[in-house]
Amino acid sequence: MSIRGKFGDLDDAARTALAGGDPFGVAFTERGTFTCDGSFSVFTFRVEIPAGPDDDEDDAGLAALAALDAHGHPYEVLKTAVTDMRDIKIRRKR
């Protein structure tokens, strides 16, 4: 899931943490990764949410927001996008 948003007031420690980047780059991880502009005003947060057989987009959305909250940065959500990997078909070359 990806969440596009804008940061609230960030303190110096939060700016430093975000400027240091993530060792996973822009990958989808269970902890989530940020990409943001140099002014730390807007961001994209990418997170991998393992889904159970009965989980839907609402469950994924709540789990993604919980992962975003765990980082402790003030934010406002602008847009969300969910890709359910169970729906992706792989075409194999013969």
PDB file of N, CA and C in Angstrom:
ATOM      1  N   MET A   1       0.848  -1.163   0.000  1.00  0.00           N
ATOM      2  CA  MET A   1       0.000   0.000   0.000  1.00  0.00           C
ATOM      3  C   MET A   1       0.894   1.226   0.000  1.00  0.00           C
ATOM      4  N   SER A   2       0.474   2.262  -0.676  1.00  0.00           N
ATOM      5  CA  SER A   2       1.214   3.518  -0.621  1.00  0.00           C
ATOM      6  C   SER A   2       0.274   4.614  -0.139  1.00  0.00           C
ATOM      7  N   ILE A   3       0.842   5.495   0.661  1.00  0.00           N
ATOM      8  CA  ILE A   3       0.103   6.623   1.209  1.00  0.00           C
ATOM      9  C   ILE A   3       0.845   7.885   0.811  1.00  0.00           C
ATOM     10  N   ARG A   4       0.158   8.778   0.159  1.00  0.00           N
ATOM     11  CA  ARG A   4       0.715  10.083  -0.181  1.00  0.00           C
ATOM     12  C   ARG A   4       0.167  11.060   0.845  1.00  0.00           C
ATOM     13  N   GLY A   5       1.036  11.866   1.417  1.00  0.00           N
ATOM     14  CA  GLY A   5       0.581  12.793   2.441  1.00  0.00           C
ATOM     15  C   GLY A   5       1.493  13.982   2.592  1.00  0.00           C
ATOM     16  N   LYS A   6       1.163  14.797   3.575  1.00  0.00           N
ATOM     17  CA  LYS A   6       2.034  15.914   3.892  1.00  0.00           C
ATOM     18  C   LYS A   6       2.302  15.892   5.390  1.00  0.00           C
ATOM     19  N   PHE A   7       3.532  16.281   5.721  1.00  0.00           N
ATOM     20  CA  PHE A   7       3.941  16.289   7.112  1.00  0.00           C
ATOM     21  C   PHE A   7       3.354  17.493   7.840  1.00  0.00           C
ATOM     22  N   GLY A   8       3.145  17.322   9.148  1.00  0.00           N
ATOM     23  CA  GLY A   8       2.841  18.446  10.025  1.00  0.00           C
ATOM     24  C   GLY A   8       4.164  19.071  10.428  1.00  0.00           C
ATOM     25  N   ASP A   9       4.182  19.750  11.550  1.00  0.00           N
ATOM     26  CA  ASP A   9       5.426  20.363  12.037  1.00  0.00           C
ATOM     27  C   ASP A   9       6.383  19.284  12.509  1.00  0.00           C
ATOM     28  N   LEU A  10       7.531  19.181  11.855  1.00  0.00           N
ATOM     29  CA  LEU A  10       8.556  18.213  12.222  1.00  0.00           C
ATOM     30  C   LEU A  10       9.630  18.896  13.051  1.00  0.00           C
ATOM     31  N   ASP A  11      10.080  18.222  14.104  1.00  0.00           N
ATOM     32  CA  ASP A  11      11.204  18.766  14.868  1.00  0.00           C
ATOM     33  C   ASP A  11      12.512  18.378  14.178  1.00  0.00           C
ATOM     34  N   ASP A  12      13.615  18.897  14.686  1.00  0.00           N
ATOM     35  CA  ASP A  12      14.925  18.646  14.060  1.00  0.00           C
ATOM     36  C   ASP A  12      15.284  17.165  14.056  1.00  0.00           C
ATOM     37  N   ALA A  13      14.929  16.440  15.116  1.00  0.00           N
ATOM     38  CA  ALA A  13      15.237  15.010  15.185  1.00  0.00           C
ATOM     39  C   ALA A  13      14.496  14.241  14.091  1.00  0.00           C
ATOM     40  N   ALA A  14      13.243  14.593  13.845  1.00  0.00           N
ATOM     41  CA  ALA A  14      12.467  13.921  12.799  1.00  0.00           C
ATOM     42  C   ALA A  14      13.035  14.234  11.419  1.00  0.00           C
ATOM     43  N   ARG A  15      13.421  15.486  11.185  1.00  0.00           N
ATOM     44  CA  ARG A  15      14.013  15.864   9.901  1.00  0.00           C
ATOM     45  C   ARG A  15      15.319  15.113   9.661  1.00  0.00           C
ATOM     46  N   THR A  16      16.119  14.990  10.712  1.00  0.00           N
ATOM     47  CA  THR A  16      17.385  14.268  10.599  1.00  0.00           C
ATOM     48  C   THR A  16      17.135  12.796  10.286  1.00  0.00           C
ATOM     49  N   ALA A  17      16.177  12.195  10.972  1.00  0.00           N
ATOM     50  CA  ALA A  17      15.852  10.777  10.736  1.00  0.00           C
ATOM     51  C   ALA A  17      15.368  10.565   9.301  1.00  0.00           C
ATOM     52  N   LEU A  18      14.530  11.458   8.816  1.00  0.00           N
ATOM     53  CA  LEU A  18      14.016  11.326   7.450  1.00  0.00           C
ATOM     54  C   LEU A  18      15.098  11.595   6.415  1.00  0.00           C
ATOM     55  N   ALA A  19      16.002  12.530   6.708  1.00  0.00           N
ATOM     56  CA  ALA A  19      17.086  12.842   5.767  1.00  0.00           C
ATOM     57  C   ALA A  19      18.068  11.686   5.640  1.00  0.00           C
ATOM     58  N   GLY A  20      18.191  10.888   6.713  1.00  0.00           N
ATOM     59  CA  GLY A  20      19.098   9.744   6.684  1.00  0.00           C
ATOM     60  C   GLY A  20      18.631   8.644   5.763  1.00  0.00           C
ATOM     61  N   GLY A  21      17.374   8.704   5.378  1.00  0.00           N
ATOM     62  CA  GLY A  21      16.840   7.699   4.465  1.00  0.00           C
ATOM     63  C   GLY A  21      16.673   6.352   5.140  1.00  0.00           C
ATOM     64  N   ASP A  22      16.306   5.387   4.355  1.00  0.00           N
ATOM     65  CA  ASP A  22      16.065   4.033   4.832  1.00  0.00           C
ATOM     66  C   ASP A  22      17.010   3.103   4.089  1.00  0.00           C
ATOM     67  N   PRO A  23      17.632   2.142   4.789  1.00  0.00           N
ATOM     68  CA  PRO A  23      18.560   1.247   4.095  1.00  0.00           C
ATOM     69  C   PRO A  23      17.886   0.415   2.997  1.00  0.00           C
ATOM     70  N   PHE A  24      16.564   0.331   3.018  1.00  0.00           N
ATOM     71  CA  PHE A  24      15.844  -0.437   2.009  1.00  0.00           C
ATOM     72  C   PHE A  24      15.434   0.427   0.820  1.00  0.00           C
ATOM     73  N   GLY A  25      15.796   1.699   0.834  1.00  0.00           N
ATOM     74  CA  GLY A  25      15.431   2.589  -0.272  1.00  0.00           C
ATOM     75  C   GLY A  25      13.944   2.832  -0.310  1.00  0.00           C
ATOM     76  N   VAL A  26      13.337   2.656  -1.460  1.00  0.00           N
ATOM     77  CA  VAL A  26      11.902   2.899  -1.610  1.00  0.00           C
ATOM     78  C   VAL A  26      11.113   1.591  -1.676  1.00  0.00           C
ATOM     79  N   ALA A  27      11.649   0.562  -1.092  1.00  0.00           N
ATOM     80  CA  ALA A  27      11.007  -0.755  -1.135  1.00  0.00           C
ATOM     81  C   ALA A  27       9.745  -0.778  -0.281  1.00  0.00           C
ATOM     82  N   PHE A  28       8.871  -1.705  -0.596  1.00  0.00           N
ATOM     83  CA  PHE A  28       7.717  -1.979   0.245  1.00  0.00           C
ATOM     84  C   PHE A  28       8.184  -2.946   1.326  1.00  0.00           C
ATOM     85  N   THR A  29       8.184  -2.509   2.575  1.00  0.00           N
ATOM     86  CA  THR A  29       8.578  -3.351   3.699  1.00  0.00           C
ATOM     87  C   THR A  29       7.458  -3.340   4.728  1.00  0.00           C
ATOM     88  N   GLU A  30       7.487  -4.267   5.669  1.00  0.00           N
ATOM     89  CA  GLU A  30       6.442  -4.301   6.694  1.00  0.00           C
ATOM     90  C   GLU A  30       6.541  -3.109   7.642  1.00  0.00           C
ATOM     91  N   ARG A  31       7.744  -2.559   7.813  1.00  0.00           N
ATOM     92  CA  ARG A  31       7.917  -1.376   8.659  1.00  0.00           C
ATOM     93  C   ARG A  31       7.501  -0.112   7.908  1.00  0.00           C
ATOM     94  N   GLY A  32       7.659  -0.134   6.591  1.00  0.00           N
ATOM     95  CA  GLY A  32       7.323   1.014   5.756  1.00  0.00           C
ATOM     96  C   GLY A  32       8.529   1.883   5.491  1.00  0.00           C
ATOM     97  N   THR A  33       8.559   2.511   4.316  1.00  0.00           N
ATOM     98  CA  THR A  33       9.642   3.411   3.945  1.00  0.00           C
ATOM     99  C   THR A  33       9.061   4.721   3.428  1.00  0.00           C
ATOM    100  N   PHE A  34       9.793   5.797   3.690  1.00  0.00           N
ATOM    101  CA  PHE A  34       9.395   7.131   3.254  1.00  0.00           C
ATOM    102  C   PHE A  34      10.233   7.577   2.070  1.00  0.00           C
ATOM    103  N   THR A  35       9.629   8.294   1.158  1.00  0.00           N
ATOM    104  CA  THR A  35      10.340   9.140   0.221  1.00  0.00           C
ATOM    105  C   THR A  35       9.688  10.506   0.385  1.00  0.00           C
ATOM    106  N   CYS A  36      10.523  11.543   0.426  1.00  0.00           N
ATOM    107  CA  CYS A  36       9.976  12.876   0.613  1.00  0.00           C
ATOM    108  C   CYS A  36      10.831  13.907  -0.095  1.00  0.00           C
ATOM    109  N   ASP A  37      10.253  15.076  -0.280  1.00  0.00           N
ATOM    110  CA  ASP A  37      10.990  16.149  -0.943  1.00  0.00           C
ATOM    111  C   ASP A  37      11.995  16.764   0.035  1.00  0.00           C
ATOM    112  N   GLY A  38      12.861  17.614  -0.469  1.00  0.00           N
ATOM    113  CA  GLY A  38      13.901  18.214   0.350  1.00  0.00           C
ATOM    114  C   GLY A  38      13.385  19.140   1.433  1.00  0.00           C
ATOM    115  N   SER A  39      12.173  19.654   1.266  1.00  0.00           N
ATOM    116  CA  SER A  39      11.606  20.555   2.268  1.00  0.00           C
ATOM    117  C   SER A  39      10.843  19.798   3.354  1.00  0.00           C
ATOM    118  N   PHE A  40      10.745  18.492   3.214  1.00  0.00           N
ATOM    119  CA  PHE A  40      10.015  17.638   4.160  1.00  0.00           C
ATOM    120  C   PHE A  40       8.566  18.096   4.326  1.00  0.00           C
ATOM    121  N   SER A  41       7.964  18.517   3.232  1.00  0.00           N
ATOM    122  CA  SER A  41       6.569  18.932   3.312  1.00  0.00           C
ATOM    123  C   SER A  41       5.627  17.810   2.868  1.00  0.00           C
ATOM    124  N   VAL A  42       5.951  17.127   1.779  1.00  0.00           N
ATOM    125  CA  VAL A  42       5.113  16.022   1.303  1.00  0.00           C
ATOM    126  C   VAL A  42       5.920  14.727   1.293  1.00  0.00           C
ATOM    127  N   PHE A  43       5.218  13.608   1.314  1.00  0.00           N
ATOM    128  CA  PHE A  43       5.889  12.315   1.352  1.00  0.00           C
ATOM    129  C   PHE A  43       5.054  11.247   0.677  1.00  0.00           C
ATOM    130  N   THR A  44       5.725  10.153   0.348  1.00  0.00           N
ATOM    131  CA  THR A  44       5.069   8.910  -0.031  1.00  0.00           C
ATOM    132  C   THR A  44       5.573   7.861   0.936  1.00  0.00           C
ATOM    133  N   PHE A  45       4.650   7.131   1.529  1.00  0.00           N
ATOM    134  CA  PHE A  45       4.974   6.071   2.483  1.00  0.00           C
ATOM    135  C   PHE A  45       4.551   4.758   1.854  1.00  0.00           C
ATOM    136  N   ARG A  46       5.502   3.837   1.683  1.00  0.00           N
ATOM    137  CA  ARG A  46       5.215   2.531   1.082  1.00  0.00           C
ATOM    138  C   ARG A  46       5.326   1.470   2.161  1.00  0.00           C
ATOM    139  N   VAL A  47       4.320   0.618   2.256  1.00  0.00           N
ATOM    140  CA  VAL A  47       4.314  -0.418   3.286  1.00  0.00           C
ATOM    141  C   VAL A  47       3.707  -1.700   2.716  1.00  0.00           C
ATOM    142  N   GLU A  48       4.291  -2.808   3.117  1.00  0.00           N
ATOM    143  CA  GLU A  48       3.783  -4.124   2.724  1.00  0.00           C
ATOM    144  C   GLU A  48       2.902  -4.638   3.867  1.00  0.00           C
ATOM    145  N   ILE A  49       1.677  -4.975   3.537  1.00  0.00           N
ATOM    146  CA  ILE A  49       0.731  -5.487   4.529  1.00  0.00           C
ATOM    147  C   ILE A  49       0.396  -6.925   4.149  1.00  0.00           C
ATOM    148  N   PRO A  50       0.883  -7.912   4.936  1.00  0.00           N
ATOM    149  CA  PRO A  50       0.513  -9.298   4.645  1.00  0.00           C
ATOM    150  C   PRO A  50      -1.003  -9.472   4.805  1.00  0.00           C
ATOM    151  N   ALA A  51      -1.636 -10.066   3.827  1.00  0.00           N
ATOM    152  CA  ALA A  51      -3.088 -10.211   3.841  1.00  0.00           C
ATOM    153  C   ALA A  51      -3.492 -11.648   4.095  1.00  0.00           C
ATOM    154  N   GLY A  52      -4.506 -11.790   4.904  1.00  0.00           N
ATOM    155  CA  GLY A  52      -5.113 -13.094   5.127  1.00  0.00           C
ATOM    156  C   GLY A  52      -6.163 -13.349   4.072  1.00  0.00           C
ATOM    157  N   PRO A  53      -6.696 -14.556   4.019  1.00  0.00           N
ATOM    158  CA  PRO A  53      -7.650 -14.907   2.966  1.00  0.00           C
ATOM    159  C   PRO A  53      -8.927 -14.063   2.981  1.00  0.00           C
ATOM    160  N   ASP A  54      -9.321 -13.564   4.142  1.00  0.00           N
ATOM    161  CA  ASP A  54     -10.563 -12.792   4.239  1.00  0.00           C
ATOM    162  C   ASP A  54     -10.330 -11.292   4.385  1.00  0.00           C
ATOM    163  N   ASP A  55      -9.074 -10.839   4.310  1.00  0.00           N
ATOM    164  CA  ASP A  55      -8.770  -9.423   4.462  1.00  0.00           C
ATOM    165  C   ASP A  55      -9.186  -8.646   3.215  1.00  0.00           C
ATOM    166  N   ASP A  56      -9.587  -7.393   3.424  1.00  0.00           N
ATOM    167  CA  ASP A  56      -9.955  -6.547   2.295  1.00  0.00           C
ATOM    168  C   ASP A  56      -9.162  -5.243   2.350  1.00  0.00           C
ATOM    169  N   GLU A  57      -9.498  -4.293   1.471  1.00  0.00           N
ATOM    170  CA  GLU A  57      -8.756  -3.035   1.406  1.00  0.00           C
ATOM    171  C   GLU A  57      -8.876  -2.224   2.689  1.00  0.00           C
ATOM    172  N   ASP A  58     -10.001  -2.315   3.365  1.00  0.00           N
ATOM    173  CA  ASP A  58     -10.163  -1.582   4.620  1.00  0.00           C
ATOM    174  C   ASP A  58      -9.192  -2.089   5.678  1.00  0.00           C
ATOM    175  N   ASP A  59      -9.031  -3.415   5.752  1.00  0.00           N
ATOM    176  CA  ASP A  59      -8.077  -4.004   6.697  1.00  0.00           C
ATOM    177  C   ASP A  59      -6.658  -3.548   6.369  1.00  0.00           C
ATOM    178  N   ALA A  60      -6.323  -3.542   5.087  1.00  0.00           N
ATOM    179  CA  ALA A  60      -4.990  -3.109   4.654  1.00  0.00           C
ATOM    180  C   ALA A  60      -4.780  -1.637   4.981  1.00  0.00           C
ATOM    181  N   GLY A  61      -5.793  -0.842   4.765  1.00  0.00           N
ATOM    182  CA  GLY A  61      -5.690   0.582   5.049  1.00  0.00           C
ATOM    183  C   GLY A  61      -5.440   0.859   6.518  1.00  0.00           C
ATOM    184  N   LEU A  62      -6.157   0.175   7.392  1.00  0.00           N
ATOM    185  CA  LEU A  62      -5.963   0.359   8.834  1.00  0.00           C
ATOM    186  C   LEU A  62      -4.572  -0.089   9.269  1.00  0.00           C
ATOM    187  N   ALA A  63      -4.114  -1.197   8.715  1.00  0.00           N
ATOM    188  CA  ALA A  63      -2.770  -1.690   9.048  1.00  0.00           C
ATOM    189  C   ALA A  63      -1.703  -0.731   8.535  1.00  0.00           C
ATOM    190  N   ALA A  64      -1.910  -0.161   7.350  1.00  0.00           N
ATOM    191  CA  ALA A  64      -0.942   0.788   6.797  1.00  0.00           C
ATOM    192  C   ALA A  64      -0.881   2.061   7.632  1.00  0.00           C
ATOM    193  N   LEU A  65      -2.035   2.553   8.074  1.00  0.00           N
ATOM    194  CA  LEU A  65      -2.044   3.741   8.930  1.00  0.00           C
ATOM    195  C   LEU A  65      -1.377   3.461  10.273  1.00  0.00           C
ATOM    196  N   ALA A  66      -1.552   2.256  10.794  1.00  0.00           N
ATOM    197  CA  ALA A  66      -0.879   1.883  12.046  1.00  0.00           C
ATOM    198  C   ALA A  66       0.636   1.877  11.853  1.00  0.00           C
ATOM    199  N   ALA A  67       1.104   1.381  10.708  1.00  0.00           N
ATOM    200  CA  ALA A  67       2.545   1.380  10.415  1.00  0.00           C
ATOM    201  C   ALA A  67       3.062   2.805  10.272  1.00  0.00           C
ATOM    202  N   LEU A  68       2.279   3.670   9.641  1.00  0.00           N
ATOM    203  CA  LEU A  68       2.657   5.074   9.492  1.00  0.00           C
ATOM    204  C   LEU A  68       2.692   5.762  10.857  1.00  0.00           C
ATOM    205  N   ASP A  69       1.699   5.512  11.690  1.00  0.00           N
ATOM    206  CA  ASP A  69       1.655   6.078  13.049  1.00  0.00           C
ATOM    207  C   ASP A  69       2.855   5.653  13.882  1.00  0.00           C
ATOM    208  N   ALA A  70       3.330   4.431  13.672  1.00  0.00           N
ATOM    209  CA  ALA A  70       4.447   3.909  14.461  1.00  0.00           C
ATOM    210  C   ALA A  70       5.717   4.739  14.271  1.00  0.00           C
ATOM    211  N   HIS A  71       5.827   5.454  13.157  1.00  0.00           N
ATOM    212  CA  HIS A  71       7.000   6.297  12.925  1.00  0.00           C
ATOM    213  C   HIS A  71       6.937   7.578  13.756  1.00  0.00           C
ATOM    214  N   GLY A  72       5.754   7.961  14.200  1.00  0.00           N
ATOM    215  CA  GLY A  72       5.605   9.083  15.112  1.00  0.00           C
ATOM    216  C   GLY A  72       5.672  10.470  14.500  1.00  0.00           C
ATOM    217  N   HIS A  73       5.629  10.588  13.187  1.00  0.00           N
ATOM    218  CA  HIS A  73       5.678  11.904  12.551  1.00  0.00           C
ATOM    219  C   HIS A  73       4.256  12.439  12.369  1.00  0.00           C
ATOM    220  N   PRO A  74       4.039  13.739  12.618  1.00  0.00           N
ATOM    221  CA  PRO A  74       2.708  14.303  12.347  1.00  0.00           C
ATOM    222  C   PRO A  74       2.465  14.339  10.839  1.00  0.00           C
ATOM    223  N   TYR A  75       1.249  13.995  10.412  1.00  0.00           N
ATOM    224  CA  TYR A  75       0.972  13.925   8.982  1.00  0.00           C
ATOM    225  C   TYR A  75      -0.497  14.154   8.694  1.00  0.00           C
ATOM    226  N   GLU A  76      -0.770  14.383   7.416  1.00  0.00           N
ATOM    227  CA  GLU A  76      -2.127  14.427   6.892  1.00  0.00           C
ATOM    228  C   GLU A  76      -2.136  13.573   5.631  1.00  0.00           C
ATOM    229  N   VAL A  77      -3.063  12.652   5.535  1.00  0.00           N
ATOM    230  CA  VAL A  77      -3.157  11.776   4.365  1.00  0.00           C
ATOM    231  C   VAL A  77      -3.838  12.531   3.223  1.00  0.00           C
ATOM    232  N   LEU A  78      -3.213  12.475   2.046  1.00  0.00           N
ATOM    233  CA  LEU A  78      -3.790  13.087   0.857  1.00  0.00           C
ATOM    234  C   LEU A  78      -4.407  12.050  -0.078  1.00  0.00           C
ATOM    235  N   LYS A  79      -3.748  10.889  -0.198  1.00  0.00           N
ATOM    236  CA  LYS A  79      -4.212   9.862  -1.138  1.00  0.00           C
ATOM    237  C   LYS A  79      -3.648   8.508  -0.720  1.00  0.00           C
ATOM    238  N   THR A  80      -4.415   7.459  -0.936  1.00  0.00           N
ATOM    239  CA  THR A  80      -3.937   6.103  -0.675  1.00  0.00           C
ATOM    240  C   THR A  80      -4.147   5.244  -1.919  1.00  0.00           C
ATOM    241  N   ALA A  81      -3.310   4.215  -2.041  1.00  0.00           N
ATOM    242  CA  ALA A  81      -3.440   3.270  -3.147  1.00  0.00           C
ATOM    243  C   ALA A  81      -3.088   1.882  -2.643  1.00  0.00           C
ATOM    244  N   VAL A  82      -3.931   0.916  -2.993  1.00  0.00           N
ATOM    245  CA  VAL A  82      -3.734  -0.468  -2.569  1.00  0.00           C
ATOM    246  C   VAL A  82      -3.587  -1.348  -3.801  1.00  0.00           C
ATOM    247  N   THR A  83      -2.577  -2.219  -3.787  1.00  0.00           N
ATOM    248  CA  THR A  83      -2.438  -3.245  -4.814  1.00  0.00           C
ATOM    249  C   THR A  83      -2.478  -4.586  -4.109  1.00  0.00           C
ATOM    250  N   ASP A  84      -3.496  -5.365  -4.406  1.00  0.00           N
ATOM    251  CA  ASP A  84      -3.628  -6.691  -3.810  1.00  0.00           C
ATOM    252  C   ASP A  84      -2.877  -7.682  -4.697  1.00  0.00           C
ATOM    253  N   MET A  85      -1.752  -8.150  -4.206  1.00  0.00           N
ATOM    254  CA  MET A  85      -0.904  -9.043  -4.994  1.00  0.00           C
ATOM    255  C   MET A  85      -1.588 -10.366  -5.311  1.00  0.00           C
ATOM    256  N   ARG A  86      -2.636 -10.705  -4.574  1.00  0.00           N
ATOM    257  CA  ARG A  86      -3.378 -11.940  -4.869  1.00  0.00           C
ATOM    258  C   ARG A  86      -4.123 -11.838  -6.186  1.00  0.00           C
ATOM    259  N   ASP A  87      -4.356 -10.603  -6.660  1.00  0.00           N
ATOM    260  CA  ASP A  87      -5.102 -10.398  -7.906  1.00  0.00           C
ATOM    261  C   ASP A  87      -4.213 -10.304  -9.138  1.00  0.00           C
ATOM    262  N   ILE A  88      -2.903 -10.289  -8.937  1.00  0.00           N
ATOM    263  CA  ILE A  88      -1.995 -10.139 -10.071  1.00  0.00           C
ATOM    264  C   ILE A  88      -1.734 -11.490 -10.717  1.00  0.00           C
ATOM    265  N   LYS A  89      -1.904 -11.524 -12.021  1.00  0.00           N
ATOM    266  CA  LYS A  89      -1.663 -12.752 -12.796  1.00  0.00           C
ATOM    267  C   LYS A  89      -0.291 -12.661 -13.452  1.00  0.00           C
ATOM    268  N   ILE A  90       0.454 -13.719 -13.385  1.00  0.00           N
ATOM    269  CA  ILE A  90       1.780 -13.759 -13.993  1.00  0.00           C
ATOM    270  C   ILE A  90       1.694 -14.594 -15.266  1.00  0.00           C
ATOM    271  N   ARG A  91       2.122 -13.980 -16.356  1.00  0.00           N
ATOM    272  CA  ARG A  91       2.150 -14.705 -17.622  1.00  0.00           C
ATOM    273  C   ARG A  91       3.551 -15.259 -17.810  1.00  0.00           C
ATOM    274  N   ARG A  92       3.655 -16.525 -17.915  1.00  0.00           N
ATOM    275  CA  ARG A  92       4.941 -17.179 -18.098  1.00  0.00           C
ATOM    276  C   ARG A  92       5.181 -17.427 -19.585  1.00  0.00           C
ATOM    277  N   LYS A  93       6.413 -17.165 -20.009  1.00  0.00           N
ATOM    278  CA  LYS A  93       6.755 -17.453 -21.403  1.00  0.00           C
ATOM    279  C   LYS A  93       6.894 -18.941 -21.581  1.00  0.00           C
ATOM    280  N   ARG A  94       6.479 -19.408 -22.738  1.00  0.00           N
ATOM    281  CA  ARG A  94       6.548 -20.838 -22.992  1.00  0.00           C
ATOM    282  C   ARG A  94       7.707 -21.163 -23.875  1.00  0.00           C
TER     283      ARG A  94
END
